[in-house]
Amino acid sequence: MPLDAFREPTVVEELAQAAFIWENFKVDVSLRIGNGDFSNAATSVCVLDFVLMLQAARVTLRESRLAVFELSDRQGEWHSRGTKN
């Protein structure tokens, strides 16, 4: 059942779009990039935010050897080193 801004059950039609996207699609993620394990920092993650963060890191690593990225709703940077072709 979806939750509203006050974490109360509600019907989907009554949710604001932002509440629907950011509050109702959360997952725990076990993320590993190379030797880095970021699973401690990736609990109760909004799926959309996580996918957008990974896409931004992917685009950055095409142009640079280092990507620094973070989720919108928490502090703490993640660093990933790529190999430039």
N, C-alpha and C. Protein backbone atom coordinates (compact mmCIF):
# COMPACT_ATOMS: atom_id res chain seq x y z
N MET A 1 0.85 -1.17 0.00
CA MET A 1 0.00 0.00 0.00
C MET A 1 0.90 1.24 0.00
N PRO A 2 0.66 2.19 -0.89
CA PRO A 2 1.45 3.43 -0.93
C PRO A 2 1.28 4.24 0.35
N LEU A 3 2.29 5.03 0.66
CA LEU A 3 2.26 5.89 1.83
C LEU A 3 2.27 7.35 1.40
N ASP A 4 1.58 8.19 2.16
CA ASP A 4 1.60 9.61 1.85
C ASP A 4 2.79 10.27 2.55
N ALA A 5 2.88 11.60 2.49
CA ALA A 5 4.01 12.33 3.07
C ALA A 5 4.13 12.13 4.57
N PHE A 6 3.06 11.75 5.24
CA PHE A 6 3.09 11.52 6.68
C PHE A 6 3.24 10.04 7.02
N ARG A 7 3.59 9.25 6.01
CA ARG A 7 3.81 7.81 6.15
C ARG A 7 2.53 7.06 6.51
N GLU A 8 1.40 7.62 6.09
CA GLU A 8 0.11 6.99 6.31
C GLU A 8 -0.33 6.29 5.03
N PRO A 9 -0.92 5.11 5.14
CA PRO A 9 -1.42 4.43 3.93
C PRO A 9 -2.45 5.29 3.20
N THR A 10 -2.37 5.28 1.89
CA THR A 10 -3.30 6.06 1.07
C THR A 10 -3.47 5.39 -0.28
N VAL A 11 -4.44 5.82 -1.04
CA VAL A 11 -4.63 5.27 -2.38
C VAL A 11 -3.72 6.01 -3.36
N VAL A 12 -3.31 5.34 -4.41
CA VAL A 12 -2.36 5.89 -5.37
C VAL A 12 -2.86 7.20 -5.97
N GLU A 13 -4.13 7.28 -6.30
CA GLU A 13 -4.67 8.47 -6.95
C GLU A 13 -4.54 9.73 -6.10
N GLU A 14 -4.39 9.59 -4.80
CA GLU A 14 -4.29 10.75 -3.92
C GLU A 14 -2.85 11.20 -3.67
N LEU A 15 -1.90 10.47 -4.16
CA LEU A 15 -0.50 10.81 -3.93
C LEU A 15 -0.02 11.88 -4.90
N ALA A 16 0.79 12.79 -4.41
CA ALA A 16 1.49 13.71 -5.31
C ALA A 16 2.51 12.90 -6.09
N GLN A 17 2.85 13.35 -7.30
CA GLN A 17 3.79 12.60 -8.13
C GLN A 17 5.13 12.39 -7.42
N ALA A 18 5.66 13.43 -6.78
CA ALA A 18 6.95 13.30 -6.09
C ALA A 18 6.87 12.27 -4.96
N ALA A 19 5.80 12.28 -4.20
CA ALA A 19 5.64 11.31 -3.12
C ALA A 19 5.56 9.90 -3.68
N PHE A 20 4.86 9.74 -4.79
CA PHE A 20 4.73 8.43 -5.41
C PHE A 20 6.09 7.90 -5.82
N ILE A 21 6.88 8.73 -6.50
CA ILE A 21 8.18 8.29 -7.01
C ILE A 21 9.22 8.11 -5.91
N TRP A 22 9.34 9.11 -5.02
CA TRP A 22 10.44 9.12 -4.05
C TRP A 22 10.17 8.30 -2.80
N GLU A 23 8.94 8.10 -2.43
CA GLU A 23 8.66 7.42 -1.17
C GLU A 23 8.19 5.97 -1.31
N ASN A 24 7.77 5.57 -2.48
CA ASN A 24 7.14 4.26 -2.59
C ASN A 24 7.93 3.23 -3.39
N PHE A 25 9.08 3.58 -3.86
CA PHE A 25 9.91 2.63 -4.60
C PHE A 25 11.31 2.64 -4.00
N LYS A 26 11.42 2.10 -2.80
CA LYS A 26 12.71 2.07 -2.10
C LYS A 26 13.17 0.62 -1.97
N VAL A 27 14.46 0.46 -2.08
CA VAL A 27 15.06 -0.87 -1.98
C VAL A 27 16.36 -0.78 -1.18
N ASP A 28 16.81 -1.91 -0.69
CA ASP A 28 18.15 -2.02 -0.12
C ASP A 28 19.04 -2.57 -1.22
N VAL A 29 20.20 -1.95 -1.38
CA VAL A 29 21.09 -2.29 -2.49
C VAL A 29 22.43 -2.75 -1.96
N SER A 30 22.91 -3.83 -2.52
CA SER A 30 24.28 -4.28 -2.27
C SER A 30 25.08 -3.90 -3.51
N LEU A 31 25.89 -2.86 -3.38
CA LEU A 31 26.60 -2.31 -4.52
C LEU A 31 28.10 -2.57 -4.38
N ARG A 32 28.66 -3.14 -5.43
CA ARG A 32 30.11 -3.37 -5.46
C ARG A 32 30.64 -2.90 -6.79
N ILE A 33 31.66 -2.06 -6.74
CA ILE A 33 32.34 -1.60 -7.94
C ILE A 33 33.81 -1.91 -7.74
N GLY A 34 34.33 -2.83 -8.52
CA GLY A 34 35.71 -3.26 -8.32
C GLY A 34 35.87 -3.83 -6.93
N ASN A 35 36.80 -3.28 -6.16
CA ASN A 35 37.02 -3.74 -4.79
C ASN A 35 36.20 -2.95 -3.77
N GLY A 36 35.46 -1.94 -4.22
CA GLY A 36 34.68 -1.12 -3.29
C GLY A 36 33.33 -1.73 -3.00
N ASP A 37 32.99 -1.84 -1.72
CA ASP A 37 31.69 -2.35 -1.30
C ASP A 37 30.95 -1.21 -0.63
N PHE A 38 29.84 -0.76 -1.21
CA PHE A 38 29.10 0.39 -0.72
C PHE A 38 27.79 -0.02 -0.07
N SER A 39 27.61 -1.29 0.26
CA SER A 39 26.31 -1.77 0.72
C SER A 39 25.86 -1.11 2.01
N ASN A 40 26.79 -0.71 2.88
CA ASN A 40 26.38 -0.05 4.13
C ASN A 40 25.70 1.29 3.86
N ALA A 41 26.06 1.96 2.78
CA ALA A 41 25.52 3.28 2.48
C ALA A 41 24.28 3.21 1.61
N ALA A 42 23.83 2.03 1.24
CA ALA A 42 22.75 1.91 0.28
C ALA A 42 21.57 1.13 0.85
N THR A 43 20.98 1.66 1.92
CA THR A 43 19.78 1.06 2.47
C THR A 43 18.62 2.03 2.31
N SER A 44 17.47 1.52 2.04
CA SER A 44 16.25 2.30 1.82
C SER A 44 16.48 3.39 0.77
N VAL A 45 16.92 2.95 -0.39
CA VAL A 45 17.27 3.84 -1.50
C VAL A 45 16.10 3.96 -2.47
N CYS A 46 15.81 5.18 -2.88
CA CYS A 46 14.82 5.41 -3.92
C CYS A 46 15.37 4.85 -5.23
N VAL A 47 14.63 3.97 -5.87
CA VAL A 47 15.10 3.31 -7.09
C VAL A 47 15.46 4.33 -8.18
N LEU A 48 14.61 5.32 -8.39
CA LEU A 48 14.86 6.32 -9.43
C LEU A 48 16.16 7.08 -9.14
N ASP A 49 16.36 7.52 -7.91
CA ASP A 49 17.57 8.24 -7.54
C ASP A 49 18.81 7.38 -7.77
N PHE A 50 18.74 6.12 -7.40
CA PHE A 50 19.87 5.21 -7.55
C PHE A 50 20.23 5.01 -9.03
N VAL A 51 19.23 4.80 -9.85
CA VAL A 51 19.48 4.60 -11.29
C VAL A 51 20.06 5.85 -11.92
N LEU A 52 19.52 7.02 -11.56
CA LEU A 52 20.06 8.27 -12.10
C LEU A 52 21.50 8.49 -11.64
N MET A 53 21.82 8.13 -10.41
CA MET A 53 23.18 8.27 -9.89
C MET A 53 24.13 7.36 -10.68
N LEU A 54 23.73 6.12 -10.92
CA LEU A 54 24.58 5.20 -11.68
C LEU A 54 24.78 5.67 -13.12
N GLN A 55 23.73 6.20 -13.71
CA GLN A 55 23.84 6.72 -15.08
C GLN A 55 24.81 7.90 -15.11
N ALA A 56 24.73 8.79 -14.14
CA ALA A 56 25.65 9.93 -14.09
C ALA A 56 27.09 9.45 -13.92
N ALA A 57 27.31 8.44 -13.09
CA ALA A 57 28.66 7.90 -12.91
C ALA A 57 29.16 7.28 -14.22
N ARG A 58 28.31 6.57 -14.90
CA ARG A 58 28.68 5.93 -16.17
C ARG A 58 29.09 6.98 -17.21
N VAL A 59 28.31 8.04 -17.32
CA VAL A 59 28.62 9.10 -18.27
C VAL A 59 29.93 9.78 -17.89
N THR A 60 30.12 10.05 -16.61
CA THR A 60 31.34 10.70 -16.14
C THR A 60 32.56 9.83 -16.42
N LEU A 61 32.45 8.53 -16.21
CA LEU A 61 33.59 7.64 -16.41
C LEU A 61 33.96 7.47 -17.88
N ARG A 62 33.07 7.84 -18.78
CA ARG A 62 33.43 7.84 -20.21
C ARG A 62 34.47 8.91 -20.51
N GLU A 63 34.41 10.02 -19.77
CA GLU A 63 35.27 11.17 -20.03
C GLU A 63 36.41 11.32 -19.03
N SER A 64 36.30 10.69 -17.91
CA SER A 64 37.26 10.90 -16.83
C SER A 64 37.58 9.56 -16.17
N ARG A 65 38.69 9.50 -15.46
CA ARG A 65 39.07 8.27 -14.77
C ARG A 65 38.44 8.17 -13.38
N LEU A 66 37.82 9.25 -12.90
CA LEU A 66 37.25 9.27 -11.56
C LEU A 66 35.84 9.83 -11.60
N ALA A 67 34.92 9.13 -10.96
CA ALA A 67 33.56 9.62 -10.80
C ALA A 67 33.27 9.71 -9.31
N VAL A 68 32.77 10.84 -8.87
CA VAL A 68 32.36 11.04 -7.49
C VAL A 68 30.86 11.28 -7.54
N PHE A 69 30.10 10.46 -6.82
CA PHE A 69 28.65 10.56 -6.91
C PHE A 69 28.03 10.28 -5.56
N GLU A 70 26.78 10.73 -5.40
CA GLU A 70 26.05 10.49 -4.17
C GLU A 70 24.55 10.50 -4.45
N LEU A 71 23.81 9.98 -3.52
CA LEU A 71 22.36 9.98 -3.63
C LEU A 71 21.81 11.33 -3.19
N SER A 72 20.63 11.67 -3.66
CA SER A 72 20.03 12.98 -3.36
C SER A 72 19.64 13.14 -1.91
N ASP A 73 19.27 12.05 -1.25
CA ASP A 73 18.68 12.16 0.09
C ASP A 73 19.63 11.86 1.23
N ARG A 74 20.92 11.77 0.96
CA ARG A 74 21.87 11.48 2.04
C ARG A 74 23.25 12.01 1.71
N GLN A 75 24.03 12.22 2.75
CA GLN A 75 25.40 12.67 2.57
C GLN A 75 26.30 11.46 2.42
N GLY A 76 27.44 11.68 1.83
CA GLY A 76 28.42 10.60 1.69
C GLY A 76 28.70 10.33 0.23
N GLU A 77 29.88 10.67 -0.19
CA GLU A 77 30.26 10.48 -1.59
C GLU A 77 30.76 9.06 -1.81
N TRP A 78 30.51 8.56 -3.00
CA TRP A 78 31.06 7.29 -3.45
C TRP A 78 32.02 7.62 -4.58
N HIS A 79 33.13 6.95 -4.62
CA HIS A 79 34.15 7.20 -5.63
C HIS A 79 34.35 5.94 -6.46
N SER A 80 34.47 6.12 -7.75
CA SER A 80 34.72 4.99 -8.64
C SER A 80 35.79 5.40 -9.64
N ARG A 81 36.75 4.54 -9.82
CA ARG A 81 37.79 4.78 -10.81
C ARG A 81 37.52 3.89 -12.01
N GLY A 82 37.58 4.51 -13.18
CA GLY A 82 37.38 3.78 -14.42
C GLY A 82 38.66 3.69 -15.20
N THR A 83 38.61 2.96 -16.30
CA THR A 83 39.75 2.88 -17.20
C THR A 83 39.34 3.58 -18.48
N LYS A 84 40.04 4.62 -18.81
CA LYS A 84 39.72 5.38 -20.01
C LYS A 84 40.28 4.66 -21.23
N ASN A 85 39.44 4.44 -22.23
CA ASN A 85 39.88 3.74 -23.47
C ASN A 85 40.65 4.66 -24.36
